[in-house]
Amino acid sequence: MPHHAQRQRSLFSRSLTLCAALLLTSACTQRGNLDDPAYGGFFNGIENISDGTYDARIATREERVSALQQRQQRLLVERNSLSRQVSAHQNALARLQQDIIVSKIRIGEQNITPQTQARISKALSPPPSGQTDAERLANLQKTIADTRKLAETLAKLAG
């Protein structure tokens, strides 16, 4: 009988060792990208540290961040430029509108055709806006071109 008990203990000991080995192995196995510290597992983590994989991963991400920061800076400069252009065009439009009002007074209301009166009303109304600075700038440029033509026409009529 003692031989049977010893055999059971030996079998139990081997089973326990096998379970521990399986548990340790499963804890260290990969679950995703081997280069990602969150999923690489213990042994892959050690390998990635020693062979520079993690350093390369960090360098790649730092390059991406730098590129995005440079792009953000370029867009900020572009936005500021567009804002200045919009402001300058708004000022130019305001001057043209003043010229139209002065010409309209000089010509006299009764001497202006209904078609020209409609153009004056449109020119003196607020310009269409836009979703972006670029759209606002394009709308202002078109409005200024139309208003400039009208101002020139009225200036000729006013003498």
C-alpha atoms as a PDB file:
ATOM      1  CA  MET A   1       0.000   0.000   0.000  1.00  0.00           C
ATOM      2  CA  PRO A   2       2.738   2.511   0.713  1.00  0.00           C
ATOM      3  CA  HIS A   3       3.910   2.086  -2.846  1.00  0.00           C
ATOM      4  CA  HIS A   4       0.430   3.052  -4.142  1.00  0.00           C
ATOM      5  CA  ALA A   5       0.278   6.223  -1.959  1.00  0.00           C
ATOM      6  CA  GLN A   6       3.738   7.240  -3.091  1.00  0.00           C
ATOM      7  CA  ARG A   7       2.692   6.772  -6.694  1.00  0.00           C
ATOM      8  CA  GLN A   8      -0.410   8.960  -6.193  1.00  0.00           C
ATOM      9  CA  ARG A   9       1.697  11.699  -4.574  1.00  0.00           C
ATOM     10  CA  SER A  10       4.133  11.558  -7.463  1.00  0.00           C
ATOM     11  CA  LEU A  11       1.277  11.770  -9.988  1.00  0.00           C
ATOM     12  CA  PHE A  12      -0.274  14.655  -8.038  1.00  0.00           C
ATOM     13  CA  SER A  13       3.100  16.451  -7.903  1.00  0.00           C
ATOM     14  CA  ARG A  14       3.588  16.052 -11.664  1.00  0.00           C
ATOM     15  CA  SER A  15       0.047  17.276 -12.351  1.00  0.00           C
ATOM     16  CA  LEU A  16       0.602  20.287 -10.135  1.00  0.00           C
ATOM     17  CA  THR A  17       3.906  21.073 -11.883  1.00  0.00           C
ATOM     18  CA  LEU A  18       2.257  20.710 -15.294  1.00  0.00           C
ATOM     19  CA  CYS A  19      -0.617  23.021 -14.287  1.00  0.00           C
ATOM     20  CA  ALA A  20       1.839  25.608 -12.966  1.00  0.00           C
ATOM     21  CA  ALA A  21       3.857  25.432 -16.201  1.00  0.00           C
ATOM     22  CA  LEU A  22       0.705  25.806 -18.311  1.00  0.00           C
ATOM     23  CA  LEU A  23      -0.476  28.719 -16.200  1.00  0.00           C
ATOM     24  CA  LEU A  24       2.903  30.461 -16.494  1.00  0.00           C
ATOM     25  CA  THR A  25       3.041  29.838 -20.241  1.00  0.00           C
ATOM     26  CA  SER A  26      -0.467  31.137 -20.834  1.00  0.00           C
ATOM     27  CA  ALA A  27       0.306  34.283 -18.817  1.00  0.00           C
ATOM     28  CA  CYS A  28       3.273  35.012 -21.072  1.00  0.00           C
ATOM     29  CA  THR A  29       1.705  34.230 -24.440  1.00  0.00           C
ATOM     30  CA  GLN A  30       0.764  36.855 -26.998  1.00  0.00           C
ATOM     31  CA  ARG A  31      -2.761  38.142 -27.377  1.00  0.00           C
ATOM     32  CA  GLY A  32      -2.291  40.726 -30.111  1.00  0.00           C
ATOM     33  CA  ASN A  33       0.458  42.710 -31.795  1.00  0.00           C
ATOM     34  CA  LEU A  34       3.825  41.420 -30.621  1.00  0.00           C
ATOM     35  CA  ASP A  35       5.316  44.936 -30.866  1.00  0.00           C
ATOM     36  CA  ASP A  36       2.689  46.386 -28.534  1.00  0.00           C
ATOM     37  CA  PRO A  37       3.724  46.222 -24.870  1.00  0.00           C
ATOM     38  CA  ALA A  38       0.082  45.751 -23.894  1.00  0.00           C
ATOM     39  CA  TYR A  39      -0.230  42.507 -25.873  1.00  0.00           C
ATOM     40  CA  GLY A  40       3.271  41.148 -26.518  1.00  0.00           C
ATOM     41  CA  GLY A  41       3.554  39.050 -23.404  1.00  0.00           C
ATOM     42  CA  PHE A  42       6.494  38.777 -21.038  1.00  0.00           C
ATOM     43  CA  PHE A  43       8.999  36.999 -23.262  1.00  0.00           C
ATOM     44  CA  ASN A  44       8.158  39.066 -26.331  1.00  0.00           C
ATOM     45  CA  GLY A  45       8.446  42.172 -24.167  1.00  0.00           C
ATOM     46  CA  ILE A  46      11.953  41.258 -23.105  1.00  0.00           C
ATOM     47  CA  GLU A  47      12.880  40.478 -26.700  1.00  0.00           C
ATOM     48  CA  ASN A  48      11.395  43.776 -27.952  1.00  0.00           C
ATOM     49  CA  ILE A  49      13.306  45.744 -25.332  1.00  0.00           C
ATOM     50  CA  SER A  50      16.587  44.048 -26.156  1.00  0.00           C
ATOM     51  CA  ASP A  51      16.313  44.214 -29.957  1.00  0.00           C
ATOM     52  CA  GLY A  52      15.105  47.844 -30.083  1.00  0.00           C
ATOM     53  CA  THR A  53      11.604  47.150 -31.375  1.00  0.00           C
ATOM     54  CA  TYR A  54      10.037  49.311 -28.678  1.00  0.00           C
ATOM     55  CA  ASP A  55      12.516  52.126 -29.367  1.00  0.00           C
ATOM     56  CA  ALA A  56      11.662  51.970 -33.087  1.00  0.00           C
ATOM     57  CA  ARG A  57       7.951  52.038 -32.216  1.00  0.00           C
ATOM     58  CA  ILE A  58       8.475  55.109 -30.049  1.00  0.00           C
ATOM     59  CA  ALA A  59      10.539  56.847 -32.754  1.00  0.00           C
ATOM     60  CA  THR A  60       7.833  56.184 -35.360  1.00  0.00           C
ATOM     61  CA  ARG A  61       5.153  57.637 -33.130  1.00  0.00           C
ATOM     62  CA  GLU A  62       7.285  60.658 -32.264  1.00  0.00           C
ATOM     63  CA  GLU A  63       7.827  61.308 -36.000  1.00  0.00           C
ATOM     64  CA  ARG A  64       4.079  61.118 -36.557  1.00  0.00           C
ATOM     65  CA  VAL A  65       3.415  63.546 -33.706  1.00  0.00           C
ATOM     66  CA  SER A  66       6.044  65.927 -35.100  1.00  0.00           C
ATOM     67  CA  ALA A  67       4.507  65.750 -38.590  1.00  0.00           C
ATOM     68  CA  LEU A  68       1.045  66.434 -37.177  1.00  0.00           C
ATOM     69  CA  GLN A  69       2.344  69.372 -35.153  1.00  0.00           C
ATOM     70  CA  GLN A  70       3.987  70.839 -38.269  1.00  0.00           C
ATOM     71  CA  ARG A  71       0.751  70.385 -40.222  1.00  0.00           C
ATOM     72  CA  GLN A  72      -1.182  72.058 -37.423  1.00  0.00           C
ATOM     73  CA  GLN A  73       1.247  74.991 -37.507  1.00  0.00           C
ATOM     74  CA  ARG A  74       0.885  75.356 -41.300  1.00  0.00           C
ATOM     75  CA  LEU A  75      -2.912  75.295 -41.003  1.00  0.00           C
ATOM     76  CA  LEU A  76      -2.803  77.919 -38.274  1.00  0.00           C
ATOM     77  CA  VAL A  77      -0.667  80.199 -40.469  1.00  0.00           C
ATOM     78  CA  GLU A  78      -3.054  79.613 -43.395  1.00  0.00           C
ATOM     79  CA  ARG A  79      -6.098  80.348 -41.242  1.00  0.00           C
ATOM     80  CA  ASN A  80      -4.538  83.572 -39.947  1.00  0.00           C
ATOM     81  CA  SER A  81      -3.715  84.627 -43.508  1.00  0.00           C
ATOM     82  CA  LEU A  82      -7.265  83.937 -44.662  1.00  0.00           C
ATOM     83  CA  SER A  83      -8.670  85.855 -41.692  1.00  0.00           C
ATOM     84  CA  ARG A  84      -6.532  88.882 -42.572  1.00  0.00           C
ATOM     85  CA  GLN A  85      -7.643  88.673 -46.209  1.00  0.00           C
ATOM     86  CA  VAL A  86     -11.303  88.436 -45.177  1.00  0.00           C
ATOM     87  CA  SER A  87     -10.893  91.484 -42.959  1.00  0.00           C
ATOM     88  CA  ALA A  88      -9.194  93.477 -45.747  1.00  0.00           C
ATOM     89  CA  HIS A  89     -11.931  92.519 -48.217  1.00  0.00           C
ATOM     90  CA  GLN A  90     -14.643  93.497 -45.745  1.00  0.00           C
ATOM     91  CA  ASN A  91     -13.033  96.911 -45.404  1.00  0.00           C
ATOM     92  CA  ALA A  92     -12.786  97.287 -49.189  1.00  0.00           C
ATOM     93  CA  LEU A  93     -16.448  96.329 -49.542  1.00  0.00           C
ATOM     94  CA  ALA A  94     -17.457  98.880 -46.914  1.00  0.00           C
ATOM     95  CA  ARG A  95     -15.608 101.634 -48.833  1.00  0.00           C
ATOM     96  CA  LEU A  96     -17.292 100.594 -52.097  1.00  0.00           C
ATOM     97  CA  GLN A  97     -20.684 100.649 -50.394  1.00  0.00           C
ATOM     98  CA  GLN A  98     -20.001 104.180 -49.167  1.00  0.00           C
ATOM     99  CA  ASP A  99     -19.059 105.214 -52.711  1.00  0.00           C
ATOM    100  CA  ILE A 100     -22.356 103.760 -53.976  1.00  0.00           C
ATOM    101  CA  ILE A 101     -24.356 105.694 -51.389  1.00  0.00           C
ATOM    102  CA  VAL A 102     -22.572 108.951 -52.294  1.00  0.00           C
ATOM    103  CA  SER A 103     -23.135 108.339 -56.024  1.00  0.00           C
ATOM    104  CA  LYS A 104     -26.784 107.480 -55.417  1.00  0.00           C
ATOM    105  CA  ILE A 105     -27.291 110.784 -53.605  1.00  0.00           C
ATOM    106  CA  ARG A 106     -25.544 112.732 -56.386  1.00  0.00           C
ATOM    107  CA  ILE A 107     -27.587 111.083 -59.135  1.00  0.00           C
ATOM    108  CA  GLY A 108     -30.890 111.431 -57.340  1.00  0.00           C
ATOM    109  CA  GLU A 109     -33.388 108.661 -56.635  1.00  0.00           C
ATOM    110  CA  GLN A 110     -35.668 109.587 -59.558  1.00  0.00           C
ATOM    111  CA  ASN A 111     -32.864 109.221 -62.131  1.00  0.00           C
ATOM    112  CA  ILE A 112     -31.996 105.612 -61.223  1.00  0.00           C
ATOM    113  CA  THR A 113     -33.654 102.786 -63.155  1.00  0.00           C
ATOM    114  CA  PRO A 114     -35.433 100.038 -61.195  1.00  0.00           C
ATOM    115  CA  GLN A 115     -32.850  97.517 -62.423  1.00  0.00           C
ATOM    116  CA  THR A 116     -29.961  99.666 -61.132  1.00  0.00           C
ATOM    117  CA  GLN A 117     -31.899 100.281 -57.908  1.00  0.00           C
ATOM    118  CA  ALA A 118     -32.111  96.490 -57.410  1.00  0.00           C
ATOM    119  CA  ARG A 119     -28.343  96.199 -57.958  1.00  0.00           C
ATOM    120  CA  ILE A 120     -27.788  98.963 -55.392  1.00  0.00           C
ATOM    121  CA  SER A 121     -29.970  97.198 -52.829  1.00  0.00           C
ATOM    122  CA  LYS A 122     -28.077  93.967 -53.369  1.00  0.00           C
ATOM    123  CA  ALA A 123     -24.705  95.718 -53.103  1.00  0.00           C
ATOM    124  CA  LEU A 124     -25.700  97.415 -49.853  1.00  0.00           C
ATOM    125  CA  SER A 125     -26.974  94.228 -48.227  1.00  0.00           C
ATOM    126  CA  PRO A 126     -24.617  92.102 -46.137  1.00  0.00           C
ATOM    127  CA  PRO A 127     -22.500  89.771 -48.271  1.00  0.00           C
ATOM    128  CA  PRO A 128     -23.158  86.056 -48.089  1.00  0.00           C
ATOM    129  CA  SER A 129     -21.056  84.356 -45.474  1.00  0.00           C
ATOM    130  CA  GLY A 130     -19.567  80.876 -45.653  1.00  0.00           C
ATOM    131  CA  GLN A 131     -18.740  77.860 -43.555  1.00  0.00           C
ATOM    132  CA  THR A 132     -14.988  78.471 -43.680  1.00  0.00           C
ATOM    133  CA  ASP A 133     -12.676  81.445 -44.038  1.00  0.00           C
ATOM    134  CA  ALA A 134     -11.925  80.326 -47.603  1.00  0.00           C
ATOM    135  CA  GLU A 135     -15.653  80.329 -48.480  1.00  0.00           C
ATOM    136  CA  ARG A 136     -16.157  83.736 -46.844  1.00  0.00           C
ATOM    137  CA  LEU A 137     -13.185  85.093 -48.777  1.00  0.00           C
ATOM    138  CA  ALA A 138     -14.493  83.727 -52.098  1.00  0.00           C
ATOM    139  CA  ASN A 139     -17.962  85.197 -51.429  1.00  0.00           C
ATOM    140  CA  LEU A 140     -16.452  88.552 -50.504  1.00  0.00           C
ATOM    141  CA  GLN A 141     -14.313  88.591 -53.643  1.00  0.00           C
ATOM    142  CA  LYS A 142     -17.370  87.992 -55.832  1.00  0.00           C
ATOM    143  CA  THR A 143     -19.413  90.605 -53.967  1.00  0.00           C
ATOM    144  CA  ILE A 144     -16.573  93.131 -54.261  1.00  0.00           C
ATOM    145  CA  ALA A 145     -16.259  92.520 -58.015  1.00  0.00           C
ATOM    146  CA  ASP A 146     -20.011  93.048 -58.490  1.00  0.00           C
ATOM    147  CA  THR A 147     -20.048  96.088 -56.207  1.00  0.00           C
ATOM    148  CA  ARG A 148     -17.006  97.607 -57.942  1.00  0.00           C
ATOM    149  CA  LYS A 149     -18.781  97.349 -61.330  1.00  0.00           C
ATOM    150  CA  LEU A 150     -21.843  99.014 -59.889  1.00  0.00           C
ATOM    151  CA  ALA A 151     -19.780 101.758 -58.255  1.00  0.00           C
ATOM    152  CA  GLU A 152     -18.074 102.480 -61.584  1.00  0.00           C
ATOM    153  CA  THR A 153     -21.436 102.609 -63.359  1.00  0.00           C
ATOM    154  CA  LEU A 154     -22.892 104.983 -60.768  1.00  0.00           C
ATOM    155  CA  ALA A 155     -19.772 107.172 -60.816  1.00  0.00           C
ATOM    156  CA  LYS A 156     -20.202 107.630 -64.575  1.00  0.00           C
ATOM    157  CA  LEU A 157     -23.870 108.505 -64.103  1.00  0.00           C
ATOM    158  CA  ALA A 158     -23.040 110.977 -61.337  1.00  0.00           C
ATOM    159  CA  GLY A 159     -20.502 112.664 -63.578  1.00  0.00           C
END
